[in-house]
Amino acid sequence: MDVTGPYLNATSNSLAYGLTGPEDARQTVAFWADRGVTSFKAYKDITREELAAAVQEAHKRGLKVTGHLCSVTYEEAAEIGIDNLEHGFFANTAQDPGKKPDACSESEGDYTLEHMTPGSPEANRLIATLIRHHVAITSTLPGQASKVVDLDPSMAGRPAVRPAVLDAMAPSERDVYLYGRNRSANESRQASDADLLRRDMELERAFVAAGGLLLAGPDPVGINGNIPGFGDQREIELLVEAGFSPVEAIRIATLNGATYLGRDKEIGSISVGKNADLVVMKGDPASRIADIENVEIVFKDGVGYDTKKLLESVKGRYGEY
């Protein structure tokens, strides 16, 4: 199991440890690394000096640092030596109005994403910087897509979420989701979210076309029906909607992640000598990506797990605690 430490941030909250400066950042990384933590995540309010100290200590121990940033721009983080950036290009604040050094902007990246056209000098410079410093990007499209499912023409006609997702939710979680779903929508906000989603998809394609390493994750925190497992499948489907071929999307969600972790010799693809971690599906996702939802059995370390039994075991449980 890969375990991450408390988020590294300038302020404390339920997820993050509030740092008091760069030396505290270094000591925090050292403390948790000594106790078996294998990676670290920088959060929205971390300063550049704190991030640099955390990255230096983590790298000294052979560990990696990712980030959901805001106070630090993507280019600044790349120059510092961060290994990965979360949420595609949504959290880059370089062009946000009123952006101050080491401070999160009011826009939190929306303005920059809206105005960073693929192929523009700003986009090309950013992508070149990320690739030069070997910084990966993790695509987390389901969270954003779930906000615009009713408005975006490319998503028209879809049910709110798959019935299996509703079945997995605890009754209270399901009620919260359906209440939010049935509220009157702010169409102006949804239109803006749809535009940002499309722009992020375009930048992710441009990043990969330039040679960047794109990873995939659902960010499955339960908001808007985005929950673990199902969110991973949705991410792969959305990568196809972004313009990747089904095989490219599957590779991004499997082998690319193993490559980033430095474990591609053990896992990430089907090859002689690798661990027997397999997902068996009914259909052909390589030609019809929706078939990725038709999981029948999962093999982990050579042991087969019945999908129906697994789903039955968690029925009505997600969000229970």
C-alpha atoms as a PDB file:
ATOM      1  CA  MET A   1       0.000   0.000   0.000  1.00  0.00           C
ATOM      2  CA  ASP A   2       1.260   3.462  -0.913  1.00  0.00           C
ATOM      3  CA  VAL A   3       0.516   5.916   1.891  1.00  0.00           C
ATOM      4  CA  THR A   4       0.659   9.696   1.637  1.00  0.00           C
ATOM      5  CA  GLY A   5       1.286  12.035   4.547  1.00  0.00           C
ATOM      6  CA  PRO A   6      -0.938  14.899   5.718  1.00  0.00           C
ATOM      7  CA  TYR A   7      -1.271  17.584   3.057  1.00  0.00           C
ATOM      8  CA  LEU A   8       1.490  20.191   3.252  1.00  0.00           C
ATOM      9  CA  ASN A   9      -0.138  23.599   3.536  1.00  0.00           C
ATOM     10  CA  ALA A  10       0.429  26.996   5.122  1.00  0.00           C
ATOM     11  CA  THR A  11      -2.830  26.691   7.073  1.00  0.00           C
ATOM     12  CA  SER A  12      -4.370  23.793   8.971  1.00  0.00           C
ATOM     13  CA  ASN A  13      -7.636  22.054   8.061  1.00  0.00           C
ATOM     14  CA  SER A  14      -9.098  18.552   8.224  1.00  0.00           C
ATOM     15  CA  LEU A  15      -6.712  17.377   5.482  1.00  0.00           C
ATOM     16  CA  ALA A  16      -3.653  19.530   5.894  1.00  0.00           C
ATOM     17  CA  TYR A  17      -0.900  20.203   8.390  1.00  0.00           C
ATOM     18  CA  GLY A  18      -0.278  23.954   8.824  1.00  0.00           C
ATOM     19  CA  LEU A  19       3.402  24.633   8.189  1.00  0.00           C
ATOM     20  CA  THR A  20       5.256  27.427   9.966  1.00  0.00           C
ATOM     21  CA  GLY A  21       8.024  27.758   7.391  1.00  0.00           C
ATOM     22  CA  PRO A  22      10.497  25.855   5.231  1.00  0.00           C
ATOM     23  CA  GLU A  23      12.273  24.146   8.132  1.00  0.00           C
ATOM     24  CA  ASP A  24       8.941  22.909   9.446  1.00  0.00           C
ATOM     25  CA  ALA A  25       8.171  21.580   5.939  1.00  0.00           C
ATOM     26  CA  ARG A  26      11.456  19.696   5.864  1.00  0.00           C
ATOM     27  CA  GLN A  27      10.952  18.255   9.354  1.00  0.00           C
ATOM     28  CA  THR A  28       7.354  17.258   8.587  1.00  0.00           C
ATOM     29  CA  VAL A  29       8.423  15.307   5.509  1.00  0.00           C
ATOM     30  CA  ALA A  30      11.243  13.663   7.460  1.00  0.00           C
ATOM     31  CA  PHE A  31       8.930  12.747  10.357  1.00  0.00           C
ATOM     32  CA  TRP A  32       6.361  10.993   8.179  1.00  0.00           C
ATOM     33  CA  ALA A  33       8.903   9.411   5.856  1.00  0.00           C
ATOM     34  CA  ASP A  34      10.546   7.800   8.878  1.00  0.00           C
ATOM     35  CA  ARG A  35       7.163   6.233   9.667  1.00  0.00           C
ATOM     36  CA  GLY A  36       6.603   4.667   6.264  1.00  0.00           C
ATOM     37  CA  VAL A  37       4.854   7.380   4.274  1.00  0.00           C
ATOM     38  CA  THR A  38       5.713   6.954   0.591  1.00  0.00           C
ATOM     39  CA  SER A  39       4.567  10.253  -0.957  1.00  0.00           C
ATOM     40  CA  PHE A  40       3.481  13.790  -0.097  1.00  0.00           C
ATOM     41  CA  LYS A  41       0.946  16.262  -1.405  1.00  0.00           C
ATOM     42  CA  ALA A  42       1.346  20.041  -1.322  1.00  0.00           C
ATOM     43  CA  TYR A  43      -1.874  22.020  -1.003  1.00  0.00           C
ATOM     44  CA  LYS A  44      -3.325  25.359  -2.005  1.00  0.00           C
ATOM     45  CA  ASP A  45      -1.652  27.760   0.427  1.00  0.00           C
ATOM     46  CA  ILE A  46       1.899  26.378   0.630  1.00  0.00           C
ATOM     47  CA  THR A  47       4.673  28.911  -0.022  1.00  0.00           C
ATOM     48  CA  ARG A  48       7.421  28.449  -2.578  1.00  0.00           C
ATOM     49  CA  GLU A  49      10.060  28.145   0.150  1.00  0.00           C
ATOM     50  CA  GLU A  50       8.015  25.519   2.006  1.00  0.00           C
ATOM     51  CA  LEU A  51       7.425  23.562  -1.191  1.00  0.00           C
ATOM     52  CA  ALA A  52      11.118  23.683  -2.071  1.00  0.00           C
ATOM     53  CA  ALA A  53      12.113  22.401   1.376  1.00  0.00           C
ATOM     54  CA  ALA A  54       9.538  19.597   1.226  1.00  0.00           C
ATOM     55  CA  VAL A  55      10.591  18.533  -2.277  1.00  0.00           C
ATOM     56  CA  GLN A  56      14.278  18.561  -1.353  1.00  0.00           C
ATOM     57  CA  GLU A  57      13.715  16.374   1.732  1.00  0.00           C
ATOM     58  CA  ALA A  58      11.407  13.977  -0.129  1.00  0.00           C
ATOM     59  CA  HIS A  59      13.808  13.575  -3.044  1.00  0.00           C
ATOM     60  CA  LYS A  60      16.686  12.941  -0.657  1.00  0.00           C
ATOM     61  CA  ARG A  61      14.696   9.923   0.521  1.00  0.00           C
ATOM     62  CA  GLY A  62      13.682   8.762  -2.957  1.00  0.00           C
ATOM     63  CA  LEU A  63      10.075   9.920  -2.478  1.00  0.00           C
ATOM     64  CA  LYS A  64       7.854  12.075  -4.679  1.00  0.00           C
ATOM     65  CA  VAL A  65       5.746  15.173  -4.120  1.00  0.00           C
ATOM     66  CA  THR A  66       2.518  15.979  -5.919  1.00  0.00           C
ATOM     67  CA  GLY A  67       0.363  19.049  -5.523  1.00  0.00           C
ATOM     68  CA  HIS A  68      -3.066  20.617  -5.765  1.00  0.00           C
ATOM     69  CA  LEU A  69      -1.682  24.123  -5.920  1.00  0.00           C
ATOM     70  CA  CYS A  70      -2.908  27.703  -6.036  1.00  0.00           C
ATOM     71  CA  SER A  71      -0.421  29.894  -4.156  1.00  0.00           C
ATOM     72  CA  VAL A  72       2.389  28.445  -6.282  1.00  0.00           C
ATOM     73  CA  THR A  73       1.990  28.468 -10.072  1.00  0.00           C
ATOM     74  CA  TYR A  74       2.683  25.426 -12.234  1.00  0.00           C
ATOM     75  CA  GLU A  75       5.856  26.883 -13.698  1.00  0.00           C
ATOM     76  CA  GLU A  76       7.132  27.867 -10.252  1.00  0.00           C
ATOM     77  CA  ALA A  77       6.429  24.363  -8.947  1.00  0.00           C
ATOM     78  CA  ALA A  78       8.184  22.788 -11.935  1.00  0.00           C
ATOM     79  CA  GLU A  79      11.268  24.938 -11.391  1.00  0.00           C
ATOM     80  CA  ILE A  80      11.241  23.922  -7.705  1.00  0.00           C
ATOM     81  CA  GLY A  81      11.208  20.252  -8.704  1.00  0.00           C
ATOM     82  CA  ILE A  82       7.707  18.986  -7.925  1.00  0.00           C
ATOM     83  CA  ASP A  83       7.015  15.568  -9.471  1.00  0.00           C
ATOM     84  CA  ASN A  84       3.331  15.784 -10.355  1.00  0.00           C
ATOM     85  CA  LEU A  85       0.474  18.282 -10.518  1.00  0.00           C
ATOM     86  CA  GLU A  86      -3.103  17.298  -9.721  1.00  0.00           C
ATOM     87  CA  HIS A  87      -6.349  18.190 -11.517  1.00  0.00           C
ATOM     88  CA  GLY A  88      -5.070  18.694 -15.030  1.00  0.00           C
ATOM     89  CA  PHE A  89      -4.597  22.379 -15.799  1.00  0.00           C
ATOM     90  CA  PHE A  90      -7.383  23.588 -13.492  1.00  0.00           C
ATOM     91  CA  ALA A  91      -5.161  24.741 -10.619  1.00  0.00           C
ATOM     92  CA  ASN A  92      -2.590  26.881 -12.440  1.00  0.00           C
ATOM     93  CA  THR A  93      -2.936  30.496 -11.287  1.00  0.00           C
ATOM     94  CA  ALA A  94      -0.144  32.173 -13.265  1.00  0.00           C
ATOM     95  CA  GLN A  95      -2.416  34.585 -15.179  1.00  0.00           C
ATOM     96  CA  ASP A  96      -5.095  35.149 -12.542  1.00  0.00           C
ATOM     97  CA  PRO A  97      -5.898  38.822 -11.852  1.00  0.00           C
ATOM     98  CA  GLY A  98      -4.388  40.028  -8.593  1.00  0.00           C
ATOM     99  CA  LYS A  99      -2.172  36.949  -8.193  1.00  0.00           C
ATOM    100  CA  LYS A 100       0.476  37.688  -5.564  1.00  0.00           C
ATOM    101  CA  PRO A 101       3.551  35.574  -4.766  1.00  0.00           C
ATOM    102  CA  ASP A 102       2.839  32.750  -2.314  1.00  0.00           C
ATOM    103  CA  ALA A 103      -0.868  33.649  -2.157  1.00  0.00           C
ATOM    104  CA  CYS A 104      -3.840  31.806  -3.624  1.00  0.00           C
ATOM    105  CA  SER A 105      -5.795  33.956  -6.072  1.00  0.00           C
ATOM    106  CA  GLU A 106      -9.532  34.530  -5.885  1.00  0.00           C
ATOM    107  CA  SER A 107     -10.055  32.753  -9.211  1.00  0.00           C
ATOM    108  CA  GLU A 108      -8.042  29.700  -8.046  1.00  0.00           C
ATOM    109  CA  GLY A 109      -6.970  29.080 -11.637  1.00  0.00           C
ATOM    110  CA  ASP A 110     -10.256  29.441 -13.521  1.00  0.00           C
ATOM    111  CA  TYR A 111      -9.168  32.703 -15.162  1.00  0.00           C
ATOM    112  CA  THR A 112      -5.812  31.290 -16.238  1.00  0.00           C
ATOM    113  CA  LEU A 113      -7.405  28.157 -17.693  1.00  0.00           C
ATOM    114  CA  GLU A 114     -10.018  30.199 -19.537  1.00  0.00           C
ATOM    115  CA  HIS A 115      -7.366  32.403 -21.153  1.00  0.00           C
ATOM    116  CA  MET A 116      -4.642  29.799 -21.851  1.00  0.00           C
ATOM    117  CA  THR A 117      -5.384  28.701 -25.413  1.00  0.00           C
ATOM    118  CA  PRO A 118      -3.528  25.580 -26.613  1.00  0.00           C
ATOM    119  CA  GLY A 119      -0.824  26.652 -29.035  1.00  0.00           C
ATOM    120  CA  SER A 120      -0.484  30.106 -27.478  1.00  0.00           C
ATOM    121  CA  PRO A 121       2.972  31.260 -26.319  1.00  0.00           C
ATOM    122  CA  GLU A 122       1.852  30.941 -22.676  1.00  0.00           C
ATOM    123  CA  ALA A 123       0.589  27.378 -23.127  1.00  0.00           C
ATOM    124  CA  ASN A 124       3.624  26.304 -25.140  1.00  0.00           C
ATOM    125  CA  ARG A 125       6.019  27.758 -22.565  1.00  0.00           C
ATOM    126  CA  LEU A 126       4.203  26.075 -19.689  1.00  0.00           C
ATOM    127  CA  ILE A 127       4.070  22.673 -21.383  1.00  0.00           C
ATOM    128  CA  ALA A 128       7.740  22.909 -22.380  1.00  0.00           C
ATOM    129  CA  THR A 129       8.676  23.784 -18.782  1.00  0.00           C
ATOM    130  CA  LEU A 130       6.710  20.862 -17.366  1.00  0.00           C
ATOM    131  CA  ILE A 131       8.272  18.398 -19.800  1.00  0.00           C
ATOM    132  CA  ARG A 132      11.794  19.767 -19.324  1.00  0.00           C
ATOM    133  CA  HIS A 133      11.491  19.220 -15.580  1.00  0.00           C
ATOM    134  CA  HIS A 134       9.803  15.800 -15.986  1.00  0.00           C
ATOM    135  CA  VAL A 135       6.621  16.920 -14.226  1.00  0.00           C
ATOM    136  CA  ALA A 136       3.621  14.615 -14.727  1.00  0.00           C
ATOM    137  CA  ILE A 137       0.025  15.843 -14.831  1.00  0.00           C
ATOM    138  CA  THR A 138      -2.856  13.922 -13.282  1.00  0.00           C
ATOM    139  CA  SER A 139      -6.138  14.293 -15.160  1.00  0.00           C
ATOM    140  CA  THR A 140      -9.193  14.289 -12.862  1.00  0.00           C
ATOM    141  CA  LEU A 141     -12.015  14.978 -15.321  1.00  0.00           C
ATOM    142  CA  PRO A 142     -15.009  13.359 -13.528  1.00  0.00           C
ATOM    143  CA  GLY A 143     -15.256  16.013 -10.824  1.00  0.00           C
ATOM    144  CA  GLN A 144     -15.546  18.831 -13.331  1.00  0.00           C
ATOM    145  CA  ALA A 145     -17.689  16.905 -15.816  1.00  0.00           C
ATOM    146  CA  SER A 146     -20.266  16.063 -13.155  1.00  0.00           C
ATOM    147  CA  LYS A 147     -21.003  19.790 -12.778  1.00  0.00           C
ATOM    148  CA  VAL A 148     -22.037  20.223 -16.412  1.00  0.00           C
ATOM    149  CA  VAL A 149     -23.795  16.958 -17.290  1.00  0.00           C
ATOM    150  CA  ASP A 150     -27.124  18.736 -17.801  1.00  0.00           C
ATOM    151  CA  LEU A 151     -25.805  21.508 -20.018  1.00  0.00           C
ATOM    152  CA  ASP A 152     -22.854  20.335 -22.073  1.00  0.00           C
ATOM    153  CA  PRO A 153     -24.257  19.127 -25.451  1.00  0.00           C
ATOM    154  CA  SER A 154     -21.649  16.381 -25.638  1.00  0.00           C
ATOM    155  CA  MET A 155     -23.089  14.922 -22.442  1.00  0.00           C
ATOM    156  CA  ALA A 156     -26.793  15.368 -23.172  1.00  0.00           C
ATOM    157  CA  GLY A 157     -29.200  12.561 -22.449  1.00  0.00           C
ATOM    158  CA  ARG A 158     -27.105  10.798 -19.837  1.00  0.00           C
ATOM    159  CA  PRO A 159     -28.633   9.693 -16.538  1.00  0.00           C
ATOM    160  CA  ALA A 160     -27.415  11.509 -13.422  1.00  0.00           C
ATOM    161  CA  VAL A 161     -25.151   8.609 -12.493  1.00  0.00           C
ATOM    162  CA  ARG A 162     -25.245   4.889 -13.189  1.00  0.00           C
ATOM    163  CA  PRO A 163     -27.739   2.936 -11.029  1.00  0.00           C
ATOM    164  CA  ALA A 164     -24.825   0.993  -9.540  1.00  0.00           C
ATOM    165  CA  VAL A 165     -23.395   4.248  -8.180  1.00  0.00           C
ATOM    166  CA  LEU A 166     -26.652   5.106  -6.424  1.00  0.00           C
ATOM    167  CA  ASP A 167     -26.811   1.552  -5.056  1.00  0.00           C
ATOM    168  CA  ALA A 168     -23.356   1.927  -3.529  1.00  0.00           C
ATOM    169  CA  MET A 169     -24.235   5.149  -1.713  1.00  0.00           C
ATOM    170  CA  ALA A 170     -25.396   5.234   1.874  1.00  0.00           C
ATOM    171  CA  PRO A 171     -28.991   6.533   2.067  1.00  0.00           C
ATOM    172  CA  SER A 172     -27.870   9.870   3.519  1.00  0.00           C
ATOM    173  CA  GLU A 173     -25.239  10.310   0.807  1.00  0.00           C
ATOM    174  CA  ARG A 174     -27.781   9.432  -1.880  1.00  0.00           C
ATOM    175  CA  ASP A 175     -30.253  11.987  -0.486  1.00  0.00           C
ATOM    176  CA  VAL A 176     -27.609  14.726  -0.507  1.00  0.00           C
ATOM    177  CA  TYR A 177     -26.627  13.886  -4.070  1.00  0.00           C
ATOM    178  CA  LEU A 178     -30.199  13.799  -5.387  1.00  0.00           C
ATOM    179  CA  TYR A 179     -31.076  17.029  -3.570  1.00  0.00           C
ATOM    180  CA  GLY A 180     -28.160  18.785  -5.208  1.00  0.00           C
ATOM    181  CA  ARG A 181     -28.979  17.242  -8.556  1.00  0.00           C
ATOM    182  CA  ASN A 182     -32.587  18.427  -8.453  1.00  0.00           C
ATOM    183  CA  ARG A 183     -31.889  22.022  -7.414  1.00  0.00           C
ATOM    184  CA  SER A 184     -32.370  24.750  -9.983  1.00  0.00           C
ATOM    185  CA  ALA A 185     -29.139  25.021 -11.936  1.00  0.00           C
ATOM    186  CA  ASN A 186     -27.132  28.190 -12.353  1.00  0.00           C
ATOM    187  CA  GLU A 187     -26.934  27.971 -16.138  1.00  0.00           C
ATOM    188  CA  SER A 188     -24.335  30.727 -16.436  1.00  0.00           C
ATOM    189  CA  ARG A 189     -22.064  28.909 -13.976  1.00  0.00           C
ATOM    190  CA  GLN A 190     -22.654  25.598 -15.733  1.00  0.00           C
ATOM    191  CA  ALA A 191     -21.777  27.123 -19.105  1.00  0.00           C
ATOM    192  CA  SER A 192     -18.543  28.461 -17.652  1.00  0.00           C
ATOM    193  CA  ASP A 193     -17.735  25.067 -16.121  1.00  0.00           C
ATOM    194  CA  ALA A 194     -18.380  23.378 -19.480  1.00  0.00           C
ATOM    195  CA  ASP A 195     -15.998  25.771 -21.230  1.00  0.00           C
ATOM    196  CA  LEU A 196     -13.298  25.163 -18.611  1.00  0.00           C
ATOM    197  CA  LEU A 197     -13.722  21.410 -18.955  1.00  0.00           C
ATOM    198  CA  ARG A 198     -13.252  21.591 -22.720  1.00  0.00           C
ATOM    199  CA  ARG A 199     -10.200  23.824 -22.353  1.00  0.00           C
ATOM    200  CA  ASP A 200      -8.600  21.471 -19.836  1.00  0.00           C
ATOM    201  CA  MET A 201      -9.207  18.550 -22.194  1.00  0.00           C
ATOM    202  CA  GLU A 202      -7.512  20.491 -25.009  1.00  0.00           C
ATOM    203  CA  LEU A 203      -4.477  21.302 -22.851  1.00  0.00           C
ATOM    204  CA  GLU A 204      -4.175  17.700 -21.681  1.00  0.00           C
ATOM    205  CA  ARG A 205      -4.090  16.570 -25.317  1.00  0.00           C
ATOM    206  CA  ALA A 206      -1.481  19.211 -26.141  1.00  0.00           C
ATOM    207  CA  PHE A 207       0.624  18.141 -23.149  1.00  0.00           C
ATOM    208  CA  VAL A 208       0.623  14.500 -24.274  1.00  0.00           C
ATOM    209  CA  ALA A 209       1.267  15.432 -27.917  1.00  0.00           C
ATOM    210  CA  ALA A 210       4.373  17.320 -26.771  1.00  0.00           C
ATOM    211  CA  GLY A 211       5.647  14.260 -24.905  1.00  0.00           C
ATOM    212  CA  GLY A 212       4.264  14.862 -21.407  1.00  0.00           C
ATOM    213  CA  LEU A 213       3.339  12.057 -19.007  1.00  0.00           C
ATOM    214  CA  LEU A 214      -0.401  12.207 -18.287  1.00  0.00           C
ATOM    215  CA  LEU A 215      -1.862  10.133 -15.447  1.00  0.00           C
ATOM    216  CA  ALA A 216      -5.506   9.463 -14.591  1.00  0.00           C
ATOM    217  CA  GLY A 217      -7.445   9.700 -11.336  1.00  0.00           C
ATOM    218  CA  PRO A 218     -11.071  10.361 -10.463  1.00  0.00           C
ATOM    219  CA  ASP A 219     -10.626  12.472  -7.283  1.00  0.00           C
ATOM    220  CA  PRO A 220     -13.555  10.424  -5.876  1.00  0.00           C
ATOM    221  CA  VAL A 221     -14.656  12.475  -2.869  1.00  0.00           C
ATOM    222  CA  GLY A 222     -18.378  11.785  -3.322  1.00  0.00           C
ATOM    223  CA  ILE A 223     -19.315  15.236  -4.629  1.00  0.00           C
ATOM    224  CA  ASN A 224     -21.766  15.118  -7.551  1.00  0.00           C
ATOM    225  CA  GLY A 225     -21.860  11.325  -7.429  1.00  0.00           C
ATOM    226  CA  ASN A 226     -18.137  10.883  -8.084  1.00  0.00           C
ATOM    227  CA  ILE A 227     -17.157   7.855  -5.992  1.00  0.00           C
ATOM    228  CA  PRO A 228     -14.235   5.387  -6.031  1.00  0.00           C
ATOM    229  CA  GLY A 229     -14.080   2.691  -8.692  1.00  0.00           C
ATOM    230  CA  PHE A 230     -16.893   4.092 -10.777  1.00  0.00           C
ATOM    231  CA  GLY A 231     -15.003   7.390 -10.946  1.00  0.00           C
ATOM    232  CA  ASP A 232     -11.962   5.619 -12.401  1.00  0.00           C
ATOM    233  CA  GLN A 233     -14.076   4.177 -15.204  1.00  0.00           C
ATOM    234  CA  ARG A 234     -15.651   7.586 -15.830  1.00  0.00           C
ATOM    235  CA  GLU A 235     -12.212   9.208 -16.066  1.00  0.00           C
ATOM    236  CA  ILE A 236     -11.192   6.805 -18.825  1.00  0.00           C
ATOM    237  CA  GLU A 237     -14.420   7.444 -20.736  1.00  0.00           C
ATOM    238  CA  LEU A 238     -13.871  11.199 -20.459  1.00  0.00           C
ATOM    239  CA  LEU A 239     -10.317  10.893 -21.747  1.00  0.00           C
ATOM    240  CA  VAL A 240     -11.830   9.391 -24.893  1.00  0.00           C
ATOM    241  CA  GLU A 241     -14.264  12.309 -25.068  1.00  0.00           C
ATOM    242  CA  ALA A 242     -11.226  14.575 -24.740  1.00  0.00           C
ATOM    243  CA  GLY A 243      -9.897  13.152 -28.001  1.00  0.00           C
ATOM    244  CA  PHE A 244      -7.670  10.271 -26.951  1.00  0.00           C
ATOM    245  CA  SER A 245      -8.233   6.886 -28.556  1.00  0.00           C
ATOM    246  CA  PRO A 246      -9.635   4.168 -26.245  1.00  0.00           C
ATOM    247  CA  VAL A 247      -6.248   2.428 -26.162  1.00  0.00           C
ATOM    248  CA  GLU A 248      -4.480   5.713 -25.348  1.00  0.00           C
ATOM    249  CA  ALA A 249      -6.945   6.412 -22.538  1.00  0.00           C
ATOM    250  CA  ILE A 250      -6.485   2.934 -21.077  1.00  0.00           C
ATOM    251  CA  ARG A 251      -2.706   3.317 -21.221  1.00  0.00           C
ATOM    252  CA  ILE A 252      -2.905   6.689 -19.445  1.00  0.00           C
ATOM    253  CA  ALA A 253      -4.936   5.066 -16.651  1.00  0.00           C
ATOM    254  CA  THR A 254      -2.709   2.012 -16.282  1.00  0.00           C
ATOM    255  CA  LEU A 255       0.852   1.920 -17.609  1.00  0.00           C
ATOM    256  CA  ASN A 256       1.439   5.667 -17.240  1.00  0.00           C
ATOM    257  CA  GLY A 257       0.613   5.511 -13.554  1.00  0.00           C
ATOM    258  CA  ALA A 258       2.984   2.603 -13.060  1.00  0.00           C
ATOM    259  CA  THR A 259       5.671   4.491 -14.975  1.00  0.00           C
ATOM    260  CA  TYR A 260       5.287   7.528 -12.719  1.00  0.00           C
ATOM    261  CA  LEU A 261       5.605   5.319  -9.632  1.00  0.00           C
ATOM    262  CA  GLY A 262       8.699   3.657 -11.072  1.00  0.00           C
ATOM    263  CA  ARG A 263       6.920   0.299 -11.011  1.00  0.00           C
ATOM    264  CA  ASP A 264       6.297  -0.269 -14.716  1.00  0.00           C
ATOM    265  CA  LYS A 265       8.550  -3.346 -14.646  1.00  0.00           C
ATOM    266  CA  GLU A 266       6.116  -4.983 -12.191  1.00  0.00           C
ATOM    267  CA  ILE A 267       2.642  -3.648 -13.007  1.00  0.00           C
ATOM    268  CA  GLY A 268       0.773  -1.453 -15.466  1.00  0.00           C
ATOM    269  CA  SER A 269       0.511  -3.705 -18.515  1.00  0.00           C
ATOM    270  CA  ILE A 270       0.043  -7.361 -19.424  1.00  0.00           C
ATOM    271  CA  SER A 271       3.497  -8.826 -19.923  1.00  0.00           C
ATOM    272  CA  VAL A 272       5.438 -11.955 -19.018  1.00  0.00           C
ATOM    273  CA  GLY A 273       7.040 -11.595 -15.603  1.00  0.00           C
ATOM    274  CA  LYS A 274       4.714  -8.859 -14.315  1.00  0.00           C
ATOM    275  CA  ASN A 275       2.229  -9.228 -11.465  1.00  0.00           C
ATOM    276  CA  ALA A 276      -1.038 -10.857 -12.516  1.00  0.00           C
ATOM    277  CA  ASP A 277      -3.207  -7.801 -11.849  1.00  0.00           C
ATOM    278  CA  LEU A 278      -5.981  -7.983 -14.436  1.00  0.00           C
ATOM    279  CA  VAL A 279      -9.478  -6.623 -15.003  1.00  0.00           C
ATOM    280  CA  VAL A 280     -11.665  -8.927 -17.099  1.00  0.00           C
ATOM    281  CA  MET A 281     -14.506  -7.192 -18.951  1.00  0.00           C
ATOM    282  CA  LYS A 282     -17.322  -8.290 -21.185  1.00  0.00           C
ATOM    283  CA  GLY A 283     -16.898  -6.547 -24.519  1.00  0.00           C
ATOM    284  CA  ASP A 284     -14.036  -4.698 -26.175  1.00  0.00           C
ATOM    285  CA  PRO A 285     -13.086  -1.369 -24.554  1.00  0.00           C
ATOM    286  CA  ALA A 286     -10.416  -0.882 -27.230  1.00  0.00           C
ATOM    287  CA  SER A 287     -13.205  -0.208 -29.729  1.00  0.00           C
ATOM    288  CA  ARG A 288     -16.126   0.734 -27.441  1.00  0.00           C
ATOM    289  CA  ILE A 289     -14.888   2.490 -24.324  1.00  0.00           C
ATOM    290  CA  ALA A 290     -18.238   2.147 -22.496  1.00  0.00           C
ATOM    291  CA  ASP A 291     -17.477  -1.583 -22.197  1.00  0.00           C
ATOM    292  CA  ILE A 292     -14.972  -0.636 -19.516  1.00  0.00           C
ATOM    293  CA  GLU A 293     -17.965  -0.552 -17.160  1.00  0.00           C
ATOM    294  CA  ASN A 294     -18.713  -4.254 -17.767  1.00  0.00           C
ATOM    295  CA  VAL A 295     -16.253  -5.661 -15.226  1.00  0.00           C
ATOM    296  CA  GLU A 296     -16.833  -9.338 -14.425  1.00  0.00           C
ATOM    297  CA  ILE A 297     -13.779 -10.347 -12.405  1.00  0.00           C
ATOM    298  CA  VAL A 298     -10.653  -8.684 -11.010  1.00  0.00           C
ATOM    299  CA  PHE A 299      -7.360 -10.486 -10.443  1.00  0.00           C
ATOM    300  CA  LYS A 300      -5.026  -9.017  -7.822  1.00  0.00           C
ATOM    301  CA  ASP A 301      -1.715 -10.847  -7.276  1.00  0.00           C
ATOM    302  CA  GLY A 302      -3.219 -13.786  -9.155  1.00  0.00           C
ATOM    303  CA  VAL A 303      -6.329 -14.065  -6.926  1.00  0.00           C
ATOM    304  CA  GLY A 304      -9.696 -13.604  -8.634  1.00  0.00           C
ATOM    305  CA  TYR A 305     -12.428 -11.450  -7.056  1.00  0.00           C
ATOM    306  CA  ASP A 306     -16.056 -11.642  -8.168  1.00  0.00           C
ATOM    307  CA  THR A 307     -17.248  -8.153  -9.106  1.00  0.00           C
ATOM    308  CA  LYS A 308     -20.894  -8.770  -8.240  1.00  0.00           C
ATOM    309  CA  LYS A 309     -19.968  -9.978  -4.774  1.00  0.00           C
ATOM    310  CA  LEU A 310     -17.641  -7.030  -4.223  1.00  0.00           C
ATOM    311  CA  LEU A 311     -20.361  -4.540  -5.179  1.00  0.00           C
ATOM    312  CA  GLU A 312     -22.910  -6.336  -3.034  1.00  0.00           C
ATOM    313  CA  SER A 313     -20.566  -6.105  -0.042  1.00  0.00           C
ATOM    314  CA  VAL A 314     -20.498  -2.297  -0.239  1.00  0.00           C
ATOM    315  CA  LYS A 315     -24.115  -1.713  -1.237  1.00  0.00           C
ATOM    316  CA  GLY A 316     -25.493   1.270   0.662  1.00  0.00           C
ATOM    317  CA  ARG A 317     -22.172   1.868   2.402  1.00  0.00           C
ATOM    318  CA  TYR A 318     -20.317   4.665   0.588  1.00  0.00           C
ATOM    319  CA  GLY A 319     -20.481   7.830   2.691  1.00  0.00           C
ATOM    320  CA  GLU A 320     -21.767   5.915   5.731  1.00  0.00           C
ATOM    321  CA  TYR A 321     -19.087   7.245   8.079  1.00  0.00           C
END
